[in-house]
C-alpha atoms as a PDB file:
ATOM      1  CA  MET A   1       0.012   0.047  -0.063  1.00  0.00           C
ATOM      2  CA  MET A   2       1.138   3.520  -0.694  1.00  0.00           C
ATOM      3  CA  ILE A   3       0.838   5.920   2.348  1.00  0.00           C
ATOM      4  CA  VAL A   4       1.900   9.612   2.551  1.00  0.00           C
ATOM      5  CA  ARG A   5       3.414  10.724   5.857  1.00  0.00           C
ATOM      6  CA  HIS A   6       5.825  12.975   7.567  1.00  0.00           C
ATOM      7  CA  ALA A   7       9.510  12.457   6.718  1.00  0.00           C
ATOM      8  CA  GLU A   8      11.502  10.771   9.449  1.00  0.00           C
ATOM      9  CA  HIS A   9      15.136  10.467   9.914  1.00  0.00           C
ATOM     10  CA  ARG A  10      15.052   6.698   8.993  1.00  0.00           C
ATOM     11  CA  ASP A  11      14.174   7.804   5.502  1.00  0.00           C
ATOM     12  CA  LEU A  12      17.288   9.678   4.926  1.00  0.00           C
ATOM     13  CA  ASP A  13      18.975   7.264   2.570  1.00  0.00           C
ATOM     14  CA  ASP A  14      15.932   6.702   0.349  1.00  0.00           C
ATOM     15  CA  ILE A  15      15.494  10.390   0.003  1.00  0.00           C
ATOM     16  CA  TYR A  16      19.111  10.823  -0.978  1.00  0.00           C
ATOM     17  CA  ILE A  17      18.698   8.166  -3.801  1.00  0.00           C
ATOM     18  CA  LEU A  18      15.692  10.213  -4.849  1.00  0.00           C
ATOM     19  CA  ALA A  19      17.788  13.361  -4.968  1.00  0.00           C
ATOM     20  CA  GLY A  20      20.201  11.808  -7.172  1.00  0.00           C
ATOM     21  CA  LYS A  21      17.383  10.802  -9.710  1.00  0.00           C
ATOM     22  CA  SER A  22      15.739  14.199  -9.705  1.00  0.00           C
ATOM     23  CA  GLY A  23      18.379  15.845 -12.095  1.00  0.00           C
ATOM     24  CA  ILE A  24      19.056  19.488 -12.725  1.00  0.00           C
ATOM     25  CA  GLY A  25      16.369  22.058 -11.827  1.00  0.00           C
ATOM     26  CA  LEU A  26      14.857  20.841  -8.551  1.00  0.00           C
ATOM     27  CA  THR A  27      16.786  23.216  -6.323  1.00  0.00           C
ATOM     28  CA  SER A  28      15.221  22.199  -3.065  1.00  0.00           C
ATOM     29  CA  LEU A  29      16.087  18.578  -3.401  1.00  0.00           C
ATOM     30  CA  PRO A  30      19.931  18.654  -3.582  1.00  0.00           C
ATOM     31  CA  GLN A  31      21.832  15.242  -3.412  1.00  0.00           C
ATOM     32  CA  ASN A  32      23.594  16.384  -0.142  1.00  0.00           C
ATOM     33  CA  LYS A  33      22.916  14.125   2.871  1.00  0.00           C
ATOM     34  CA  GLU A  34      23.799  16.879   5.554  1.00  0.00           C
ATOM     35  CA  ILE A  35      21.219  19.279   3.836  1.00  0.00           C
ATOM     36  CA  LEU A  36      18.557  16.484   3.446  1.00  0.00           C
ATOM     37  CA  SER A  37      19.125  15.514   7.085  1.00  0.00           C
ATOM     38  CA  ALA A  38      18.677  18.938   8.335  1.00  0.00           C
ATOM     39  CA  ARG A  39      15.466  19.271   6.188  1.00  0.00           C
ATOM     40  CA  ILE A  40      14.027  16.270   8.090  1.00  0.00           C
ATOM     41  CA  ALA A  41      15.124  17.620  11.412  1.00  0.00           C
ATOM     42  CA  ARG A  42      13.370  20.879  10.576  1.00  0.00           C
ATOM     43  CA  THR A  43      10.088  18.957   9.915  1.00  0.00           C
ATOM     44  CA  GLN A  44      10.181  17.200  13.080  1.00  0.00           C
ATOM     45  CA  LYS A  45      10.969  20.499  14.849  1.00  0.00           C
ATOM     46  CA  THR A  46       8.015  22.221  13.157  1.00  0.00           C
ATOM     47  CA  LEU A  47       5.740  19.379  14.341  1.00  0.00           C
ATOM     48  CA  ALA A  48       7.023  19.665  17.814  1.00  0.00           C
ATOM     49  CA  GLY A  49       6.176  23.319  17.805  1.00  0.00           C
ATOM     50  CA  GLN A  50       9.763  24.310  18.343  1.00  0.00           C
ATOM     51  CA  ALA A  51      10.442  26.020  14.988  1.00  0.00           C
ATOM     52  CA  THR A  52      10.332  29.923  14.505  1.00  0.00           C
ATOM     53  CA  PRO A  53       8.131  30.955  11.463  1.00  0.00           C
ATOM     54  CA  SER A  54      10.984  31.370   9.248  1.00  0.00           C
ATOM     55  CA  GLU A  55      12.125  27.658   9.958  1.00  0.00           C
ATOM     56  CA  GLN A  56       8.773  26.026   9.699  1.00  0.00           C
ATOM     57  CA  GLY A  57       8.378  23.519   6.864  1.00  0.00           C
ATOM     58  CA  TYR A  58       6.913  20.140   6.270  1.00  0.00           C
ATOM     59  CA  LEU A  59       8.631  17.225   4.105  1.00  0.00           C
ATOM     60  CA  PHE A  60       6.098  14.499   3.162  1.00  0.00           C
ATOM     61  CA  VAL A  61       7.178  11.077   1.680  1.00  0.00           C
ATOM     62  CA  LEU A  62       5.331   8.567  -0.288  1.00  0.00           C
ATOM     63  CA  ASP A  63       6.050   5.211   1.516  1.00  0.00           C
ATOM     64  CA  ASP A  64       5.634   1.803  -0.379  1.00  0.00           C
ATOM     65  CA  THR A  65       4.874  -0.214   2.799  1.00  0.00           C
ATOM     66  CA  GLN A  66       5.151  -3.522   0.826  1.00  0.00           C
ATOM     67  CA  LEU A  67       8.898  -2.816  -0.027  1.00  0.00           C
ATOM     68  CA  GLN A  68       9.357  -0.487   3.051  1.00  0.00           C
ATOM     69  CA  ARG A  69      10.936   2.139   0.739  1.00  0.00           C
ATOM     70  CA  VAL A  70      10.322   5.830   0.286  1.00  0.00           C
ATOM     71  CA  VAL A  71       9.602   6.443  -3.510  1.00  0.00           C
ATOM     72  CA  GLY A  72       8.509  10.046  -3.502  1.00  0.00           C
ATOM     73  CA  VAL A  73       8.704  13.380  -1.563  1.00  0.00           C
ATOM     74  CA  SER A  74       6.721  16.614  -1.514  1.00  0.00           C
ATOM     75  CA  ALA A  75       6.925  19.599   0.789  1.00  0.00           C
ATOM     76  CA  ILE A  76       5.354  22.809   2.032  1.00  0.00           C
ATOM     77  CA  GLU A  77       7.296  25.901   3.256  1.00  0.00           C
ATOM     78  CA  VAL A  78       5.240  27.982   5.666  1.00  0.00           C
ATOM     79  CA  SER A  79       6.889  31.355   5.032  1.00  0.00           C
ATOM     80  CA  VAL A  80       9.424  32.031   2.512  1.00  0.00           C
ATOM     81  CA  GLY A  81      12.039  34.883   2.428  1.00  0.00           C
ATOM     82  CA  LEU A  82      11.958  35.755   6.199  1.00  0.00           C
ATOM     83  CA  THR A  83      15.620  35.004   6.833  1.00  0.00           C
ATOM     84  CA  GLU A  84      16.957  35.156   3.174  1.00  0.00           C
ATOM     85  CA  PRO A  85      15.644  37.125   0.466  1.00  0.00           C
ATOM     86  CA  PHE A  86      13.040  35.222  -2.004  1.00  0.00           C
ATOM     87  CA  TYR A  87      13.872  36.463  -5.375  1.00  0.00           C
ATOM     88  CA  ASN A  88      11.937  35.977  -8.579  1.00  0.00           C
ATOM     89  CA  TYR A  89      11.453  38.074 -11.726  1.00  0.00           C
ATOM     90  CA  HIS A  90       8.040  40.013 -12.284  1.00  0.00           C
ATOM     91  CA  VAL A  91       7.212  40.209 -15.897  1.00  0.00           C
ATOM     92  CA  GLY A  92       6.035  43.623 -16.445  1.00  0.00           C
ATOM     93  CA  LYS A  93       5.935  46.564 -18.978  1.00  0.00           C
ATOM     94  CA  GLN A  94       7.409  49.801 -19.491  1.00  0.00           C
ATOM     95  CA  VAL A  95       6.087  52.460 -21.889  1.00  0.00           C
ATOM     96  CA  HIS A  96       8.411  54.631 -24.034  1.00  0.00           C
ATOM     97  CA  ALA A  97       6.605  57.562 -25.657  1.00  0.00           C
ATOM     98  CA  SER A  98       7.496  60.668 -27.484  1.00  0.00           C
ATOM     99  CA  GLN A  99       4.780  63.085 -28.592  1.00  0.00           C
ATOM    100  CA  THR A 100       7.236  65.001 -30.622  1.00  0.00           C
ATOM    101  CA  LEU A 101       8.548  61.988 -32.601  1.00  0.00           C
ATOM    102  CA  ASN A 102       5.007  60.247 -32.608  1.00  0.00           C
ATOM    103  CA  VAL A 103       6.358  57.361 -30.862  1.00  0.00           C
ATOM    104  CA  TYR A 104       4.653  55.096 -28.482  1.00  0.00           C
ATOM    105  CA  LYS A 105       6.216  51.728 -27.616  1.00  0.00           C
ATOM    106  CA  THR A 106       5.214  49.276 -24.887  1.00  0.00           C
ATOM    107  CA  LEU A 107       8.124  46.847 -23.835  1.00  0.00           C
ATOM    108  CA  ASN A 108       7.969  43.855 -21.793  1.00  0.00           C
ATOM    109  CA  THR A 109      10.490  43.708 -18.991  1.00  0.00           C
ATOM    110  CA  LEU A 110      11.762  41.674 -16.137  1.00  0.00           C
ATOM    111  CA  PHE A 111      12.075  43.178 -12.681  1.00  0.00           C
ATOM    112  CA  LEU A 112      13.913  41.626  -9.822  1.00  0.00           C
ATOM    113  CA  SER A 113      11.353  41.040  -7.122  1.00  0.00           C
ATOM    114  CA  ASN A 114      10.793  40.044  -3.445  1.00  0.00           C
ATOM    115  CA  ASP A 115       7.013  40.242  -3.649  1.00  0.00           C
ATOM    116  CA  HIS A 116       6.320  36.765  -2.609  1.00  0.00           C
ATOM    117  CA  THR A 117       8.094  37.329   0.788  1.00  0.00           C
ATOM    118  CA  GLY A 118       6.280  35.639   3.598  1.00  0.00           C
ATOM    119  CA  CYS A 119       3.953  33.433   1.313  1.00  0.00           C
ATOM    120  CA  SER A 120       3.551  29.700   2.065  1.00  0.00           C
ATOM    121  CA  GLU A 121       5.296  27.684  -0.722  1.00  0.00           C
ATOM    122  CA  LEU A 122       4.664  24.109  -2.407  1.00  0.00           C
ATOM    123  CA  CYS A 123       7.918  22.692  -3.241  1.00  0.00           C
ATOM    124  CA  THR A 124      10.285  19.652  -3.630  1.00  0.00           C
ATOM    125  CA  LEU A 125       7.888  17.315  -5.609  1.00  0.00           C
ATOM    126  CA  PHE A 126       9.509  14.303  -6.843  1.00  0.00           C
ATOM    127  CA  LEU A 127       8.415  10.920  -7.560  1.00  0.00           C
ATOM    128  CA  ASP A 128      10.630   7.852  -8.425  1.00  0.00           C
ATOM    129  CA  PRO A 129      10.085   7.243 -12.351  1.00  0.00           C
ATOM    130  CA  GLU A 130       9.224   3.704 -11.731  1.00  0.00           C
ATOM    131  CA  TYR A 131       6.196   4.758  -9.587  1.00  0.00           C
ATOM    132  CA  ARG A 132       4.765   7.396 -12.033  1.00  0.00           C
ATOM    133  CA  LYS A 133       1.516   5.295 -12.362  1.00  0.00           C
ATOM    134  CA  ASP A 134      -1.629   4.359 -10.590  1.00  0.00           C
ATOM    135  CA  GLN A 135      -2.154   8.092  -9.539  1.00  0.00           C
ATOM    136  CA  ASN A 136       0.860   8.166  -7.255  1.00  0.00           C
ATOM    137  CA  GLY A 137       1.908  11.566  -8.595  1.00  0.00           C
ATOM    138  CA  LYS A 138      -1.483  13.056  -7.737  1.00  0.00           C
ATOM    139  CA  LEU A 139      -1.491  11.621  -4.375  1.00  0.00           C
ATOM    140  CA  LEU A 140       1.923  12.948  -3.535  1.00  0.00           C
ATOM    141  CA  SER A 141       1.195  16.325  -4.753  1.00  0.00           C
ATOM    142  CA  LYS A 142      -2.540  16.796  -3.804  1.00  0.00           C
ATOM    143  CA  ILE A 143      -2.255  15.507  -0.314  1.00  0.00           C
ATOM    144  CA  ARG A 144      -0.475  18.820   0.526  1.00  0.00           C
ATOM    145  CA  PHE A 145      -3.753  20.632  -0.125  1.00  0.00           C
ATOM    146  CA  LEU A 146      -5.548  18.190   2.125  1.00  0.00           C
ATOM    147  CA  PHE A 147      -2.969  18.983   4.920  1.00  0.00           C
ATOM    148  CA  ILE A 148      -3.437  22.684   4.414  1.00  0.00           C
ATOM    149  CA  ALA A 149      -7.192  22.333   4.506  1.00  0.00           C
ATOM    150  CA  ALA A 150      -7.112  20.673   7.804  1.00  0.00           C
ATOM    151  CA  PHE A 151      -4.458  23.093   9.395  1.00  0.00           C
ATOM    152  CA  LYS A 152      -5.199  26.378   7.640  1.00  0.00           C
ATOM    153  CA  GLN A 153      -3.901  28.236  10.727  1.00  0.00           C
ATOM    154  CA  ALA A 154      -0.423  26.943  10.252  1.00  0.00           C
ATOM    155  CA  PHE A 155      -0.083  28.711   6.923  1.00  0.00           C
ATOM    156  CA  GLN A 156      -0.111  31.943   5.260  1.00  0.00           C
ATOM    157  CA  ASN A 157      -3.016  33.524   3.280  1.00  0.00           C
ATOM    158  CA  LYS A 158      -1.273  33.151  -0.071  1.00  0.00           C
ATOM    159  CA  LEU A 159       0.273  29.920  -1.468  1.00  0.00           C
ATOM    160  CA  ILE A 160       2.973  29.764  -4.225  1.00  0.00           C
ATOM    161  CA  ALA A 161       4.587  27.191  -6.207  1.00  0.00           C
ATOM    162  CA  GLU A 162       7.783  27.463  -8.508  1.00  0.00           C
ATOM    163  CA  MET A 163       7.590  25.347 -11.515  1.00  0.00           C
ATOM    164  CA  ARG A 164      10.674  23.888 -13.206  1.00  0.00           C
ATOM    165  CA  GLY A 165      11.695  25.926 -16.287  1.00  0.00           C
ATOM    166  CA  TYR A 166      12.781  24.671 -19.457  1.00  0.00           C
ATOM    167  CA  SER A 167      16.201  23.114 -19.978  1.00  0.00           C
ATOM    168  CA  ASP A 168      17.195  20.666 -22.782  1.00  0.00           C
ATOM    169  CA  GLU A 169      18.547  17.083 -22.366  1.00  0.00           C
ATOM    170  CA  ASN A 170      21.878  18.228 -21.504  1.00  0.00           C
ATOM    171  CA  GLY A 171      20.531  20.561 -18.525  1.00  0.00           C
ATOM    172  CA  ARG A 172      21.391  23.789 -20.387  1.00  0.00           C
ATOM    173  CA  SER A 173      18.817  26.666 -19.928  1.00  0.00           C
ATOM    174  CA  PRO A 174      18.559  29.058 -22.787  1.00  0.00           C
ATOM    175  CA  PHE A 175      17.203  31.691 -20.407  1.00  0.00           C
ATOM    176  CA  TRP A 176      20.285  31.151 -18.060  1.00  0.00           C
ATOM    177  CA  ASP A 177      22.697  31.237 -21.062  1.00  0.00           C
ATOM    178  CA  ALA A 178      21.093  34.440 -22.292  1.00  0.00           C
ATOM    179  CA  LEU A 179      20.946  36.452 -18.979  1.00  0.00           C
ATOM    180  CA  GLY A 180      22.223  34.957 -15.830  1.00  0.00           C
ATOM    181  CA  HIS A 181      25.407  33.562 -17.044  1.00  0.00           C
ATOM    182  CA  HIS A 182      26.648  36.898 -18.003  1.00  0.00           C
ATOM    183  CA  PHE A 183      26.301  38.062 -14.401  1.00  0.00           C
ATOM    184  CA  PHE A 184      27.400  34.836 -12.474  1.00  0.00           C
ATOM    185  CA  ASN A 185      30.102  33.391 -14.715  1.00  0.00           C
ATOM    186  CA  MET A 186      29.135  29.831 -13.890  1.00  0.00           C
ATOM    187  CA  ASP A 187      27.034  27.249 -15.543  1.00  0.00           C
ATOM    188  CA  PHE A 188      23.260  26.695 -14.828  1.00  0.00           C
ATOM    189  CA  SER A 189      23.550  23.543 -12.672  1.00  0.00           C
ATOM    190  CA  THR A 190      26.228  25.072 -10.433  1.00  0.00           C
ATOM    191  CA  ALA A 191      24.101  28.158  -9.853  1.00  0.00           C
ATOM    192  CA  ASP A 192      20.928  26.049  -9.391  1.00  0.00           C
ATOM    193  CA  TYR A 193      22.728  23.791  -6.839  1.00  0.00           C
ATOM    194  CA  LEU A 194      24.173  26.677  -4.873  1.00  0.00           C
ATOM    195  CA  SER A 195      20.694  28.144  -4.561  1.00  0.00           C
ATOM    196  CA  GLY A 196      19.124  24.969  -3.569  1.00  0.00           C
ATOM    197  CA  ILE A 197      21.689  24.355  -0.549  1.00  0.00           C
ATOM    198  CA  GLY A 198      20.917  27.875   0.690  1.00  0.00           C
ATOM    199  CA  GLN A 199      23.920  29.881  -0.707  1.00  0.00           C
ATOM    200  CA  LYS A 200      21.661  32.626  -2.091  1.00  0.00           C
ATOM    201  CA  VAL A 201      23.535  35.641  -1.069  1.00  0.00           C
ATOM    202  CA  PHE A 202      25.278  35.653  -4.331  1.00  0.00           C
ATOM    203  CA  ILE A 203      22.129  36.291  -6.072  1.00  0.00           C
ATOM    204  CA  ALA A 204      21.652  39.718  -4.321  1.00  0.00           C
ATOM    205  CA  GLU A 205      25.343  40.608  -4.876  1.00  0.00           C
ATOM    206  CA  LEU A 206      25.351  39.836  -8.568  1.00  0.00           C
ATOM    207  CA  MET A 207      21.851  40.131 -10.162  1.00  0.00           C
ATOM    208  CA  PRO A 208      21.270  43.390 -12.032  1.00  0.00           C
ATOM    209  CA  ARG A 209      18.989  45.699 -10.219  1.00  0.00           C
ATOM    210  CA  PHE A 210      17.510  47.504 -13.122  1.00  0.00           C
ATOM    211  CA  PRO A 211      14.761  46.038 -15.391  1.00  0.00           C
ATOM    212  CA  VAL A 212      15.777  43.710 -18.187  1.00  0.00           C
ATOM    213  CA  TYR A 213      14.078  44.316 -21.538  1.00  0.00           C
ATOM    214  CA  ILE A 214      12.867  41.049 -22.827  1.00  0.00           C
ATOM    215  CA  ASP A 215      13.154  42.122 -26.440  1.00  0.00           C
ATOM    216  CA  LEU A 216      16.859  42.279 -26.026  1.00  0.00           C
ATOM    217  CA  LEU A 217      17.181  38.641 -25.130  1.00  0.00           C
ATOM    218  CA  PRO A 218      17.794  36.003 -27.959  1.00  0.00           C
ATOM    219  CA  MET A 219      14.684  34.646 -29.182  1.00  0.00           C
ATOM    220  CA  ALA A 220      15.527  31.110 -27.657  1.00  0.00           C
ATOM    221  CA  ALA A 221      15.540  32.840 -24.160  1.00  0.00           C
ATOM    222  CA  GLN A 222      12.367  34.800 -24.921  1.00  0.00           C
ATOM    223  CA  GLN A 223      10.302  31.731 -26.047  1.00  0.00           C
ATOM    224  CA  VAL A 224      11.042  29.829 -22.685  1.00  0.00           C
ATOM    225  CA  ILE A 225       9.816  32.570 -20.269  1.00  0.00           C
ATOM    226  CA  ALA A 226       7.085  31.170 -18.211  1.00  0.00           C
ATOM    227  CA  GLN A 227       7.347  27.907 -19.988  1.00  0.00           C
ATOM    228  CA  VAL A 228       7.137  24.699 -17.784  1.00  0.00           C
ATOM    229  CA  HIS A 229       9.862  21.996 -18.412  1.00  0.00           C
ATOM    230  CA  PRO A 230       8.233  19.060 -20.382  1.00  0.00           C
ATOM    231  CA  GLN A 231       8.676  16.586 -17.307  1.00  0.00           C
ATOM    232  CA  THR A 232       6.933  19.268 -15.032  1.00  0.00           C
ATOM    233  CA  VAL A 233       3.767  19.672 -17.192  1.00  0.00           C
ATOM    234  CA  PRO A 234       1.777  17.062 -15.368  1.00  0.00           C
ATOM    235  CA  ALA A 235       2.627  18.551 -11.939  1.00  0.00           C
ATOM    236  CA  SER A 236       1.734  21.996 -13.086  1.00  0.00           C
ATOM    237  CA  ARG A 237      -1.673  20.814 -14.281  1.00  0.00           C
ATOM    238  CA  VAL A 238      -2.446  19.105 -10.977  1.00  0.00           C
ATOM    239  CA  LEU A 239      -1.781  22.404  -9.232  1.00  0.00           C
ATOM    240  CA  GLU A 240      -3.739  24.373 -11.697  1.00  0.00           C
ATOM    241  CA  SER A 241      -6.661  21.950 -11.182  1.00  0.00           C
ATOM    242  CA  GLU A 242      -6.543  22.844  -7.483  1.00  0.00           C
ATOM    243  CA  GLY A 243      -6.868  26.665  -7.927  1.00  0.00           C
ATOM    244  CA  LEU A 244      -3.269  27.980  -8.587  1.00  0.00           C
ATOM    245  CA  CYS A 245      -2.471  29.977 -11.589  1.00  0.00           C
ATOM    246  CA  TYR A 246       0.316  31.940 -13.221  1.00  0.00           C
ATOM    247  CA  GLN A 247       0.231  35.660 -12.432  1.00  0.00           C
ATOM    248  CA  GLY A 248       3.347  37.093 -13.881  1.00  0.00           C
ATOM    249  CA  TYR A 249       6.271  35.796 -11.849  1.00  0.00           C
ATOM    250  CA  VAL A 250       9.135  33.679 -13.172  1.00  0.00           C
ATOM    251  CA  ASP A 251      12.320  32.141 -11.619  1.00  0.00           C
ATOM    252  CA  ILE A 252      15.443  34.049 -12.062  1.00  0.00           C
ATOM    253  CA  PHE A 253      17.532  31.201 -13.215  1.00  0.00           C
ATOM    254  CA  ASP A 254      15.389  29.322 -15.772  1.00  0.00           C
ATOM    255  CA  ALA A 255      12.294  31.593 -16.089  1.00  0.00           C
ATOM    256  CA  GLY A 256       9.881  28.812 -15.021  1.00  0.00           C
ATOM    257  CA  PRO A 257       6.477  30.144 -13.998  1.00  0.00           C
ATOM    258  CA  THR A 258       5.391  30.793 -10.327  1.00  0.00           C
ATOM    259  CA  LEU A 259       1.841  29.704  -9.640  1.00  0.00           C
ATOM    260  CA  GLU A 260      -0.171  31.145  -6.777  1.00  0.00           C
ATOM    261  CA  ALA A 261      -3.377  31.262  -5.185  1.00  0.00           C
ATOM    262  CA  GLU A 262      -5.094  32.441  -1.854  1.00  0.00           C
ATOM    263  CA  VAL A 263      -5.447  29.438   0.477  1.00  0.00           C
ATOM    264  CA  SER A 264      -9.125  30.298   1.116  1.00  0.00           C
ATOM    265  CA  SER A 265      -9.831  29.564  -2.774  1.00  0.00           C
ATOM    266  CA  LEU A 266      -8.136  26.291  -2.946  1.00  0.00           C
ATOM    267  CA  ARG A 267     -10.544  23.294  -3.941  1.00  0.00           C
ATOM    268  CA  ALA A 268      -9.335  21.304  -0.918  1.00  0.00           C
ATOM    269  CA  VAL A 269     -10.144  24.090   1.532  1.00  0.00           C
ATOM    270  CA  LYS A 270     -13.596  24.618  -0.009  1.00  0.00           C
ATOM    271  CA  GLU A 271     -14.727  20.981  -0.857  1.00  0.00           C
ATOM    272  CA  SER A 272     -12.821  18.651   1.589  1.00  0.00           C
ATOM    273  CA  HIS A 273     -15.115  17.314   4.474  1.00  0.00           C
ATOM    274  CA  THR A 274     -14.786  15.237   7.437  1.00  0.00           C
ATOM    275  CA  CYS A 275     -16.798  12.055   8.196  1.00  0.00           C
ATOM    276  CA  ALA A 276     -16.935   9.129  10.549  1.00  0.00           C
ATOM    277  CA  VAL A 277     -15.113   5.654   9.781  1.00  0.00           C
ATOM    278  CA  LYS A 278     -16.895   2.368   9.256  1.00  0.00           C
ATOM    279  CA  ILE A 279     -14.723  -0.662   9.310  1.00  0.00           C
ATOM    280  CA  VAL A 280     -15.986  -3.237   6.770  1.00  0.00           C
ATOM    281  CA  ASP A 281     -14.820  -6.557   5.214  1.00  0.00           C
ATOM    282  CA  SER A 282     -14.961  -5.179   1.750  1.00  0.00           C
ATOM    283  CA  VAL A 283     -15.443  -1.650   0.402  1.00  0.00           C
ATOM    284  CA  PRO A 284     -18.359  -0.845  -1.686  1.00  0.00           C
ATOM    285  CA  GLU A 285     -17.758  -0.892  -5.293  1.00  0.00           C
ATOM    286  CA  GLY A 286     -17.485   2.563  -7.018  1.00  0.00           C
ATOM    287  CA  ALA A 287     -15.733   4.548  -9.738  1.00  0.00           C
ATOM    288  CA  GLY A 288     -14.873   7.382  -7.233  1.00  0.00           C
ATOM    289  CA  ARG A 289     -11.270   7.946  -6.066  1.00  0.00           C
ATOM    290  CA  TYR A 290     -10.728   9.837  -2.814  1.00  0.00           C
ATOM    291  CA  LEU A 291      -7.845  11.292  -1.028  1.00  0.00           C
ATOM    292  CA  VAL A 292      -8.374  10.203   2.774  1.00  0.00           C
ATOM    293  CA  ALA A 293      -6.247  11.565   5.657  1.00  0.00           C
ATOM    294  CA  ASN A 294      -6.399  11.131   9.425  1.00  0.00           C
ATOM    295  CA  ASP A 295      -6.032  14.827  10.305  1.00  0.00           C
ATOM    296  CA  ARG A 296      -3.473  14.096  12.985  1.00  0.00           C
ATOM    297  CA  TYR A 297      -0.900  16.919  12.956  1.00  0.00           C
ATOM    298  CA  GLN A 298       2.143  14.998  14.218  1.00  0.00           C
ATOM    299  CA  ASP A 299       1.178  11.547  12.965  1.00  0.00           C
ATOM    300  CA  TYR A 300      -0.269  12.463   9.611  1.00  0.00           C
ATOM    301  CA  ARG A 301      -1.171   9.587   7.390  1.00  0.00           C
ATOM    302  CA  ALA A 302      -2.922   9.757   3.928  1.00  0.00           C
ATOM    303  CA  ILE A 303      -4.023   7.147   1.212  1.00  0.00           C
ATOM    304  CA  LEU A 304      -5.747   7.001  -2.045  1.00  0.00           C
ATOM    305  CA  ILE A 305      -8.840   4.892  -2.238  1.00  0.00           C
ATOM    306  CA  GLN A 306     -11.433   3.868  -4.804  1.00  0.00           C
ATOM    307  CA  HIS A 307     -14.930   3.944  -3.305  1.00  0.00           C
ATOM    308  CA  ALA A 308     -18.556   4.399  -3.823  1.00  0.00           C
ATOM    309  CA  ALA A 309     -19.906   7.698  -2.369  1.00  0.00           C
ATOM    310  CA  GLU A 310     -21.347   7.721   1.050  1.00  0.00           C
ATOM    311  CA  SER A 311     -23.117  10.636   2.837  1.00  0.00           C
ATOM    312  CA  ASP A 312     -22.093  11.078   6.377  1.00  0.00           C
ATOM    313  CA  SER A 313     -19.498   8.053   6.861  1.00  0.00           C
ATOM    314  CA  LEU A 314     -16.773   6.338   4.925  1.00  0.00           C
ATOM    315  CA  SER A 315     -16.286   2.545   4.761  1.00  0.00           C
ATOM    316  CA  LEU A 316     -12.540   1.316   5.122  1.00  0.00           C
ATOM    317  CA  THR A 317     -11.307  -2.089   5.043  1.00  0.00           C
ATOM    318  CA  VAL A 318      -9.201  -3.234   8.094  1.00  0.00           C
ATOM    319  CA  GLU A 319      -5.933  -2.569   6.133  1.00  0.00           C
ATOM    320  CA  GLN A 320      -6.862   0.782   5.072  1.00  0.00           C
ATOM    321  CA  ALA A 321      -7.897   1.858   8.601  1.00  0.00           C
ATOM    322  CA  HIS A 322      -4.585   0.372   9.888  1.00  0.00           C
ATOM    323  CA  ALA A 323      -2.628   2.425   7.428  1.00  0.00           C
ATOM    324  CA  LEU A 324      -4.394   5.616   8.501  1.00  0.00           C
ATOM    325  CA  GLY A 325      -4.196   4.604  12.271  1.00  0.00           C
ATOM    326  CA  VAL A 326      -7.945   5.092  12.795  1.00  0.00           C
ATOM    327  CA  GLN A 327     -10.593   2.856  14.256  1.00  0.00           C
ATOM    328  CA  ALA A 328     -14.452   2.808  13.827  1.00  0.00           C
ATOM    329  CA  GLY A 329     -16.241   5.910  14.621  1.00  0.00           C
ATOM    330  CA  GLN A 330     -13.202   8.192  14.530  1.00  0.00           C
ATOM    331  CA  SER A 331     -13.104  11.098  11.893  1.00  0.00           C
ATOM    332  CA  ILE A 332     -11.189  11.277   8.798  1.00  0.00           C
ATOM    333  CA  ARG A 333     -10.971  14.020   6.022  1.00  0.00           C
ATOM    334  CA  MET A 334     -11.775  13.212   2.449  1.00  0.00           C
ATOM    335  CA  LEU A 335     -11.562  14.974  -1.098  1.00  0.00           C
ATOM    336  CA  PRO A 336     -12.251  13.519  -4.386  1.00  0.00           C
ATOM    337  CA  LEU A 337      -9.088  13.097  -6.335  1.00  0.00           C
ATOM    338  CA  ASP A 338     -10.460  15.026  -9.276  1.00  0.00           C
ATOM    339  CA  LYS A 339     -12.878  17.665  -9.921  1.00  0.00           C
ATOM    340  CA  MET A 340     -14.988  15.593 -12.130  1.00  0.00           C
ATOM    341  CA  GLU A 341     -15.744  13.332  -9.411  1.00  0.00           C
ATOM    342  CA  GLN A 342     -17.941  15.895  -7.881  1.00  0.00           C
ATOM    343  CA  LYS A 343     -20.448  15.454 -10.656  1.00  0.00           C
END
């Protein structure tokens, strides 16, 4: 059975292996055991109520209980940019006009921005390629929305997610080659890695402070602004189905889009609900697929089930109830996996 839960220190080796498979562009999952261990420790400190707002974050794992192996990770940061600046580009416009010359020209620009300081962030989504089936990716990504729905008070009013931008099969980013490379004098993978392990001060020291005119960039770079990496398109669509959308901000390295939404507008916040557990020998047949979680903050467990719709209760098998750590009569939270299942 596949279970989503909080990351624990026993998961470090499996997460390290996943980091090695993630490739260039996933800055928040560096293949560095010290940093990954600190990430797990920060999760445990957050759950214990011992972390400051700037430290708070949650790292979830997808656990294949049959093989006793972690096969995916996803995360939520509570408040970005409180101790280190959170940078992105705002895609804006500047107007150049001269009445004398009868010239009026609108130009697209990139402004270095800290506008998302203090927002909560969805990040670090990666699933082992062997497990990209059976709705595992949706479970791993969407369960974060169900967690937010259960513990809204732990998060900020706005939620963002940075999507991986375009890079070719060799890990080269046209946007980086056209812009960032000239200021940093290092390759894209190196800059991306340094950012991912927390060495971000160099960004403030070296990035241009004046607007960048997009029309002055090579066409290859212009074309990838706000473009999602092909491997990240499914993840982007999942987030969009939950209420996030692009509103004009892109990553400073690869120009991948930032998606954002008010937490109150998320589908899981509006449509998830709690109900009582019934323990049965077999679950009623049905086409509906549901995310189901136990709503226990420190011992969070979530699974994906296929189920016939019920009104004020949810039938679970003994195995499913055991996976969630719940008993008959206790409350669980559920949400249809896809919007269409509401109909």
